[in-house]
N, C-alpha and C. Protein backbone atom coordinates (compact mmCIF):
# COMPACT_ATOMS: atom_id res chain seq x y z
N UNK A 1 -0.56 -81.43 -23.37
CA UNK A 1 0.82 -81.08 -23.05
C UNK A 1 0.85 -80.53 -21.63
N UNK A 2 1.58 -81.17 -20.81
CA UNK A 2 1.71 -80.71 -19.43
C UNK A 2 3.02 -79.97 -19.28
N UNK A 3 2.95 -78.83 -18.62
CA UNK A 3 4.15 -78.05 -18.36
C UNK A 3 4.61 -78.39 -16.95
N UNK A 4 5.85 -78.74 -16.84
CA UNK A 4 6.39 -79.06 -15.53
C UNK A 4 7.24 -77.90 -15.06
N UNK A 5 6.72 -77.21 -14.07
CA UNK A 5 7.48 -76.13 -13.48
C UNK A 5 8.40 -76.70 -12.42
N UNK A 6 9.54 -76.09 -12.28
CA UNK A 6 10.49 -76.54 -11.26
C UNK A 6 10.00 -76.18 -9.86
N UNK A 7 9.35 -75.04 -9.78
CA UNK A 7 8.88 -74.55 -8.48
C UNK A 7 7.41 -74.17 -8.56
N UNK A 8 6.66 -74.46 -7.51
CA UNK A 8 5.30 -73.95 -7.39
C UNK A 8 5.41 -72.47 -7.02
N UNK A 9 4.37 -71.68 -7.31
CA UNK A 9 4.46 -70.24 -7.01
C UNK A 9 4.89 -69.94 -5.57
N UNK A 10 4.36 -70.71 -4.62
CA UNK A 10 4.68 -70.44 -3.22
C UNK A 10 6.10 -70.87 -2.84
N UNK A 11 6.78 -71.62 -3.70
CA UNK A 11 8.16 -72.05 -3.44
C UNK A 11 9.20 -71.08 -3.99
N UNK A 12 8.77 -70.11 -4.77
CA UNK A 12 9.71 -69.16 -5.37
C UNK A 12 10.33 -68.28 -4.29
N UNK A 13 11.66 -68.17 -4.35
CA UNK A 13 12.40 -67.41 -3.33
C UNK A 13 12.61 -65.95 -3.74
N UNK A 14 12.28 -65.61 -4.97
CA UNK A 14 12.48 -64.24 -5.42
C UNK A 14 12.01 -64.07 -6.85
N UNK A 15 12.20 -62.88 -7.37
CA UNK A 15 11.72 -62.55 -8.70
C UNK A 15 12.41 -63.38 -9.79
N UNK A 16 13.65 -63.75 -9.59
CA UNK A 16 14.34 -64.57 -10.60
C UNK A 16 13.62 -65.90 -10.77
N UNK A 17 13.22 -66.52 -9.66
CA UNK A 17 12.46 -67.78 -9.74
C UNK A 17 11.11 -67.56 -10.42
N UNK A 18 10.44 -66.52 -10.03
CA UNK A 18 9.12 -66.19 -10.61
C UNK A 18 9.26 -66.02 -12.13
N UNK A 19 10.24 -65.21 -12.54
CA UNK A 19 10.43 -64.95 -13.97
C UNK A 19 10.78 -66.22 -14.74
N UNK A 20 11.62 -67.06 -14.17
CA UNK A 20 11.98 -68.33 -14.82
C UNK A 20 10.74 -69.20 -15.04
N UNK A 21 9.91 -69.29 -14.02
CA UNK A 21 8.72 -70.14 -14.12
C UNK A 21 7.70 -69.55 -15.11
N UNK A 22 7.54 -68.24 -15.10
CA UNK A 22 6.64 -67.59 -16.06
C UNK A 22 7.17 -67.78 -17.48
N UNK A 23 8.47 -67.64 -17.68
CA UNK A 23 9.06 -67.87 -19.00
C UNK A 23 8.80 -69.29 -19.48
N UNK A 24 8.92 -70.25 -18.58
CA UNK A 24 8.67 -71.66 -18.92
C UNK A 24 7.22 -71.84 -19.37
N UNK A 25 6.29 -71.24 -18.64
CA UNK A 25 4.88 -71.32 -19.01
C UNK A 25 4.61 -70.62 -20.35
N UNK A 26 5.19 -69.43 -20.53
CA UNK A 26 4.98 -68.69 -21.77
C UNK A 26 5.53 -69.46 -22.97
N UNK A 27 6.67 -70.11 -22.81
CA UNK A 27 7.23 -70.89 -23.91
C UNK A 27 6.28 -72.03 -24.28
N UNK A 28 5.70 -72.68 -23.28
CA UNK A 28 4.76 -73.77 -23.54
C UNK A 28 3.50 -73.25 -24.23
N UNK A 29 3.00 -72.10 -23.80
CA UNK A 29 1.82 -71.49 -24.42
C UNK A 29 2.10 -71.19 -25.89
N UNK A 30 3.26 -70.63 -26.18
CA UNK A 30 3.61 -70.29 -27.56
C UNK A 30 3.76 -71.54 -28.41
N UNK A 31 4.34 -72.60 -27.86
CA UNK A 31 4.42 -73.87 -28.60
C UNK A 31 3.03 -74.40 -28.91
N UNK A 32 2.13 -74.30 -27.95
CA UNK A 32 0.76 -74.75 -28.18
C UNK A 32 0.06 -73.90 -29.23
N UNK A 33 0.31 -72.60 -29.22
CA UNK A 33 -0.27 -71.73 -30.25
C UNK A 33 0.26 -72.09 -31.63
N UNK A 34 1.54 -72.45 -31.69
CA UNK A 34 2.11 -72.90 -32.97
C UNK A 34 1.42 -74.16 -33.45
N UNK A 35 1.16 -75.07 -32.55
CA UNK A 35 0.45 -76.30 -32.90
C UNK A 35 -0.97 -75.98 -33.35
N UNK A 36 -1.63 -75.06 -32.63
CA UNK A 36 -2.99 -74.64 -33.00
C UNK A 36 -2.99 -74.07 -34.42
N UNK A 37 -1.98 -73.28 -34.74
CA UNK A 37 -1.88 -72.66 -36.06
C UNK A 37 -1.77 -73.72 -37.15
N UNK A 38 -1.07 -74.81 -36.88
CA UNK A 38 -0.96 -75.89 -37.87
C UNK A 38 -2.34 -76.50 -38.15
N UNK A 39 -3.18 -76.62 -37.14
CA UNK A 39 -4.54 -77.10 -37.36
C UNK A 39 -5.35 -76.10 -38.17
N UNK A 40 -5.15 -74.82 -37.91
CA UNK A 40 -5.84 -73.78 -38.68
C UNK A 40 -5.49 -73.92 -40.16
N UNK A 41 -4.21 -74.05 -40.45
CA UNK A 41 -3.79 -74.19 -41.85
C UNK A 41 -4.34 -75.48 -42.46
N UNK A 42 -4.36 -76.56 -41.69
CA UNK A 42 -4.89 -77.82 -42.19
C UNK A 42 -6.39 -77.70 -42.48
N UNK A 43 -7.09 -76.89 -41.72
CA UNK A 43 -8.53 -76.72 -41.92
C UNK A 43 -8.85 -76.10 -43.28
N UNK A 44 -7.93 -75.32 -43.81
CA UNK A 44 -8.16 -74.63 -45.08
C UNK A 44 -8.53 -75.60 -46.20
N UNK A 45 -8.00 -76.81 -46.16
CA UNK A 45 -8.28 -77.76 -47.24
C UNK A 45 -9.73 -78.24 -47.24
N UNK A 46 -10.42 -78.05 -46.13
CA UNK A 46 -11.81 -78.49 -46.04
C UNK A 46 -12.81 -77.36 -46.27
N UNK A 47 -12.31 -76.15 -46.46
CA UNK A 47 -13.17 -74.99 -46.65
C UNK A 47 -13.47 -74.82 -48.13
N UNK A 48 -14.72 -74.44 -48.42
CA UNK A 48 -15.15 -74.29 -49.80
C UNK A 48 -15.20 -72.85 -50.27
N UNK A 49 -15.04 -71.91 -49.34
CA UNK A 49 -15.09 -70.49 -49.71
C UNK A 49 -14.39 -69.66 -48.64
N UNK A 50 -14.09 -68.42 -49.00
CA UNK A 50 -13.50 -67.51 -48.01
C UNK A 50 -14.47 -67.27 -46.86
N UNK A 51 -15.76 -67.26 -47.15
CA UNK A 51 -16.77 -67.09 -46.09
C UNK A 51 -16.73 -68.26 -45.11
N UNK A 52 -16.48 -69.45 -45.64
CA UNK A 52 -16.37 -70.63 -44.77
C UNK A 52 -15.13 -70.53 -43.89
N UNK A 53 -14.08 -69.89 -44.39
CA UNK A 53 -12.88 -69.70 -43.58
C UNK A 53 -13.21 -68.74 -42.43
N UNK A 54 -13.91 -67.68 -42.73
CA UNK A 54 -14.23 -66.67 -41.69
C UNK A 54 -15.20 -67.23 -40.65
N UNK A 55 -16.21 -67.96 -41.07
CA UNK A 55 -17.20 -68.62 -40.20
C UNK A 55 -17.57 -67.79 -38.98
N UNK A 56 -18.23 -66.65 -39.19
CA UNK A 56 -18.53 -65.75 -38.05
C UNK A 56 -19.34 -66.39 -36.93
N UNK A 57 -20.24 -67.31 -37.27
CA UNK A 57 -21.04 -67.96 -36.22
C UNK A 57 -20.16 -68.86 -35.36
N UNK A 58 -19.22 -69.53 -35.98
CA UNK A 58 -18.27 -70.38 -35.23
C UNK A 58 -17.37 -69.51 -34.37
N UNK A 59 -16.95 -68.37 -34.92
CA UNK A 59 -16.08 -67.44 -34.20
C UNK A 59 -16.77 -66.98 -32.91
N UNK A 60 -18.03 -66.58 -33.00
CA UNK A 60 -18.75 -66.11 -31.81
C UNK A 60 -18.96 -67.24 -30.80
N UNK A 61 -19.28 -68.42 -31.27
CA UNK A 61 -19.46 -69.56 -30.37
C UNK A 61 -18.14 -69.90 -29.67
N UNK A 62 -17.02 -69.83 -30.42
CA UNK A 62 -15.71 -70.11 -29.84
C UNK A 62 -15.38 -69.09 -28.75
N UNK A 63 -15.65 -67.80 -29.04
CA UNK A 63 -15.36 -66.77 -28.03
C UNK A 63 -16.19 -66.98 -26.77
N UNK A 64 -17.44 -67.36 -26.94
CA UNK A 64 -18.30 -67.60 -25.79
C UNK A 64 -17.76 -68.74 -24.93
N UNK A 65 -17.32 -69.79 -25.59
CA UNK A 65 -16.76 -70.94 -24.86
C UNK A 65 -15.48 -70.56 -24.13
N UNK A 66 -14.62 -69.77 -24.78
CA UNK A 66 -13.37 -69.34 -24.14
C UNK A 66 -13.66 -68.45 -22.93
N UNK A 67 -14.72 -67.66 -22.99
CA UNK A 67 -15.13 -66.84 -21.84
C UNK A 67 -15.51 -67.75 -20.67
N UNK A 68 -16.23 -68.82 -20.97
CA UNK A 68 -16.62 -69.78 -19.91
C UNK A 68 -15.38 -70.40 -19.29
N UNK A 69 -14.45 -70.83 -20.14
CA UNK A 69 -13.22 -71.44 -19.63
C UNK A 69 -12.43 -70.46 -18.76
N UNK A 70 -12.39 -69.20 -19.20
CA UNK A 70 -11.67 -68.17 -18.44
C UNK A 70 -12.29 -68.01 -17.05
N UNK A 71 -13.59 -67.89 -17.01
CA UNK A 71 -14.28 -67.71 -15.73
C UNK A 71 -14.02 -68.90 -14.81
N UNK A 72 -14.01 -70.10 -15.38
CA UNK A 72 -13.77 -71.30 -14.57
C UNK A 72 -12.36 -71.32 -13.98
N UNK A 73 -11.42 -70.63 -14.64
CA UNK A 73 -10.03 -70.57 -14.15
C UNK A 73 -9.76 -69.31 -13.32
N UNK A 74 -10.79 -68.52 -13.07
CA UNK A 74 -10.62 -67.30 -12.28
C UNK A 74 -9.96 -66.17 -13.06
N UNK A 75 -10.05 -66.24 -14.39
CA UNK A 75 -9.48 -65.20 -15.25
C UNK A 75 -10.59 -64.28 -15.75
N UNK A 76 -10.20 -63.13 -16.23
CA UNK A 76 -11.16 -62.18 -16.77
C UNK A 76 -11.69 -62.67 -18.11
N UNK A 77 -13.00 -62.96 -18.21
CA UNK A 77 -13.56 -63.35 -19.50
C UNK A 77 -13.34 -62.28 -20.58
N UNK A 78 -13.41 -61.00 -20.20
CA UNK A 78 -13.19 -59.93 -21.18
C UNK A 78 -11.76 -59.96 -21.73
N UNK A 79 -10.79 -60.16 -20.85
CA UNK A 79 -9.39 -60.20 -21.30
C UNK A 79 -9.14 -61.40 -22.19
N UNK A 80 -9.68 -62.55 -21.82
CA UNK A 80 -9.49 -63.76 -22.62
C UNK A 80 -10.21 -63.63 -23.96
N UNK A 81 -11.39 -63.02 -23.96
CA UNK A 81 -12.09 -62.80 -25.23
C UNK A 81 -11.27 -61.91 -26.16
N UNK A 82 -10.69 -60.86 -25.63
CA UNK A 82 -9.87 -59.97 -26.47
C UNK A 82 -8.65 -60.72 -26.99
N UNK A 83 -7.99 -61.46 -26.12
CA UNK A 83 -6.82 -62.23 -26.52
C UNK A 83 -7.17 -63.19 -27.66
N UNK A 84 -8.24 -63.95 -27.49
CA UNK A 84 -8.62 -64.92 -28.52
C UNK A 84 -9.17 -64.25 -29.76
N UNK A 85 -9.87 -63.16 -29.59
CA UNK A 85 -10.37 -62.43 -30.76
C UNK A 85 -9.21 -61.97 -31.63
N UNK A 86 -8.21 -61.36 -31.01
CA UNK A 86 -7.03 -60.91 -31.76
C UNK A 86 -6.30 -62.09 -32.39
N UNK A 87 -6.09 -63.14 -31.62
CA UNK A 87 -5.37 -64.32 -32.11
C UNK A 87 -6.10 -64.97 -33.28
N UNK A 88 -7.39 -65.22 -33.12
CA UNK A 88 -8.14 -65.92 -34.16
C UNK A 88 -8.32 -65.04 -35.38
N UNK A 89 -8.49 -63.75 -35.21
CA UNK A 89 -8.56 -62.87 -36.38
C UNK A 89 -7.26 -62.94 -37.18
N UNK A 90 -6.13 -62.95 -36.49
CA UNK A 90 -4.84 -63.09 -37.18
C UNK A 90 -4.75 -64.45 -37.88
N UNK A 91 -5.08 -65.52 -37.16
CA UNK A 91 -5.02 -66.86 -37.74
C UNK A 91 -5.98 -66.99 -38.93
N UNK A 92 -7.16 -66.36 -38.83
CA UNK A 92 -8.11 -66.40 -39.94
C UNK A 92 -7.55 -65.72 -41.18
N UNK A 93 -6.90 -64.59 -40.99
CA UNK A 93 -6.27 -63.91 -42.13
C UNK A 93 -5.21 -64.80 -42.76
N UNK A 94 -4.43 -65.48 -41.93
CA UNK A 94 -3.42 -66.41 -42.44
C UNK A 94 -4.07 -67.59 -43.15
N UNK A 95 -5.16 -68.09 -42.59
CA UNK A 95 -5.86 -69.22 -43.20
C UNK A 95 -6.44 -68.82 -44.56
N UNK A 96 -6.99 -67.62 -44.66
CA UNK A 96 -7.52 -67.14 -45.95
C UNK A 96 -6.41 -67.08 -46.99
N UNK A 97 -5.26 -66.56 -46.60
CA UNK A 97 -4.11 -66.51 -47.52
C UNK A 97 -3.74 -67.93 -47.95
N UNK A 98 -3.70 -68.84 -47.01
CA UNK A 98 -3.37 -70.24 -47.31
C UNK A 98 -4.43 -70.86 -48.21
N UNK A 99 -5.71 -70.61 -47.90
CA UNK A 99 -6.82 -71.14 -48.69
C UNK A 99 -6.75 -70.61 -50.13
N UNK A 100 -6.52 -69.31 -50.27
CA UNK A 100 -6.43 -68.71 -51.61
C UNK A 100 -5.28 -69.32 -52.40
N UNK A 101 -4.15 -69.55 -51.75
CA UNK A 101 -3.01 -70.16 -52.43
C UNK A 101 -3.36 -71.57 -52.88
N UNK A 102 -4.11 -72.31 -52.10
CA UNK A 102 -4.52 -73.65 -52.49
C UNK A 102 -5.45 -73.61 -53.69
N UNK A 103 -6.34 -72.60 -53.72
CA UNK A 103 -7.27 -72.47 -54.83
C UNK A 103 -6.53 -72.17 -56.13
N UNK A 104 -5.49 -71.36 -56.05
CA UNK A 104 -4.69 -71.00 -57.22
C UNK A 104 -3.86 -72.19 -57.67
N UNK A 105 -3.33 -72.95 -56.72
CA UNK A 105 -2.46 -74.08 -57.04
C UNK A 105 -3.22 -75.25 -57.65
N UNK A 106 -4.46 -75.43 -57.26
CA UNK A 106 -5.24 -76.55 -57.79
C UNK A 106 -6.61 -76.06 -58.25
N UNK A 107 -6.69 -75.53 -59.48
CA UNK A 107 -7.98 -75.04 -59.98
C UNK A 107 -8.99 -76.18 -60.08
N UNK A 108 -10.25 -75.86 -59.95
CA UNK A 108 -11.29 -76.90 -60.02
C UNK A 108 -11.23 -77.64 -61.36
N UNK A 109 -11.47 -78.93 -61.28
CA UNK A 109 -11.47 -79.76 -62.49
C UNK A 109 -12.85 -79.77 -63.11
N UNK A 110 -12.89 -79.78 -64.45
CA UNK A 110 -14.16 -79.76 -65.16
C UNK A 110 -14.77 -81.13 -65.29
């Protein structure tokens, strides 16, 4: 998904332009997070246990990769790690709730 800003940062004539462009970017980020969340919920159907939902080794590997991406973009790896840690912990809690509901709705067949 490409975000098309009306103005490049250096073309902004004042704070109103800056705020409009930042709002446009933030809206796109939030839409992408919503899409990401749909994948998280879809993943629940492939998990066999609550431990598989939590997947701590995957969580740590994901954070490490996000730190690399942050550094490559000139962002603080620590800030991006905190952002993703909070986000993924929230999504994981939601996925566990979704996974548990699926388990209740379709008990294992004998």
